[in-house]
Amino acid sequence: MYEFNELVKISKMYYEMGMTQKEISEVSKHSRPTISRMLEAAMERGIVRVQIEYPLDSIYELEEEIKNKFHLKKVFVAPTFVEEDTLIVQDVGKALANYLTEICRPNDILGISWGTTLGVVSNYLPKRRINGLKIVQLNGGIPVNSYSNGSFGLLEKFSEAFEGQFHLLSAPTIVDSEEIANSILSDSNIKQVVDLGKKANIALFGIGRTHYESVLYKSGYFKTESYDRLISKGAVGDICSRFFDINGDLVDSELNRRTIGLQLEDLQEKEHCIAMAVGAKKVKAVYGALQGNYLNTLFVDEHLARKLLSYKEE
């Protein structure tokens, strides 16, 4: 295998000195094919890292169309450079992370839900101390099986980025009965966190699609037959673990009474009510959320934006 120092030398000659592989082969003991393989090895061993820098601007035309059609305060539409889901969600998450840093002010209360989408946002939060900022969990996040939803880690990342105090809602998101939910909500510590979520002037959440790949389903909150019933009732998506149909109406009042956390109507009063969704497959979930007026700020990708504008209820 190639020696570490030799890989560093070849990499510096190629990437920092701008020498061609032919030129490097002429001043070293290696052939051009070997130089090529060494550069690949340097990349694999982490000696060389490629970072692509580019401005991430919203597609203005789509942004304005969505904003006007659905009467929103702010819309960001990330362009799709390559057809790769991981890269697309990273671009949307990065844009949202930067926006959060712009709008958060001292003594604000930032309420966040949990899930895969917000996990991406947390990875791109720049470090910025915001005095007096409180970060509160909007819906219960304790899973009922071994599948991790990342709720606690998410709070930690937001807290570290903004150097703010975080408040964990230490409860499952859905319980077996309304009586259990009422009992949990009567606990003084739980009530304090829920009340703080209601006071939050900024709410941040993903829009979930009612599908068997959902984090809620994977976390064990539903048996297959109960999830089937939810879908048969017309559920297209959820926000903060509360399910709605294509018109934005709650689909199961009994389930809603067993859910711990912020009510959907509480979101409608927020100064900044920010949702993120990625992928054309989420068009019904996002459309239903918009019909329910559960958000005033939307971060999406180009494909989903176009689907939203052309969507017609079936």
Foldseek 3Di string as FASTA:
>chain_A
DDDPVVLLVLCCCCPVVVDDLCVVVVVDVDDSVVSVVSPVVCVVVVVDDDDDDDDFAAPVVLFVLVCVVLVFDAEGATEDPDPDQVVQLLSLLLVVLVVVVVPDAAQAEEEEEFADSLVSNLVNRAAAAHHNYEYAYFFAQDFPDPDHRCPVVSQVSVCRRHVHHYQHQHDHFFDDFLVVQVVSCPPPSNVVRQVSSLVGQAYEWEKAFLDCVTPCNVSPPDDPVVSVVQVVLAFGIDTSPFTDHLQLHGRDVRRVSRGGGDDLVSQQPHNFYEYEDEDLSSLSRVNSCSNNNSGRYYGYYPNNSVCNSPDDDD
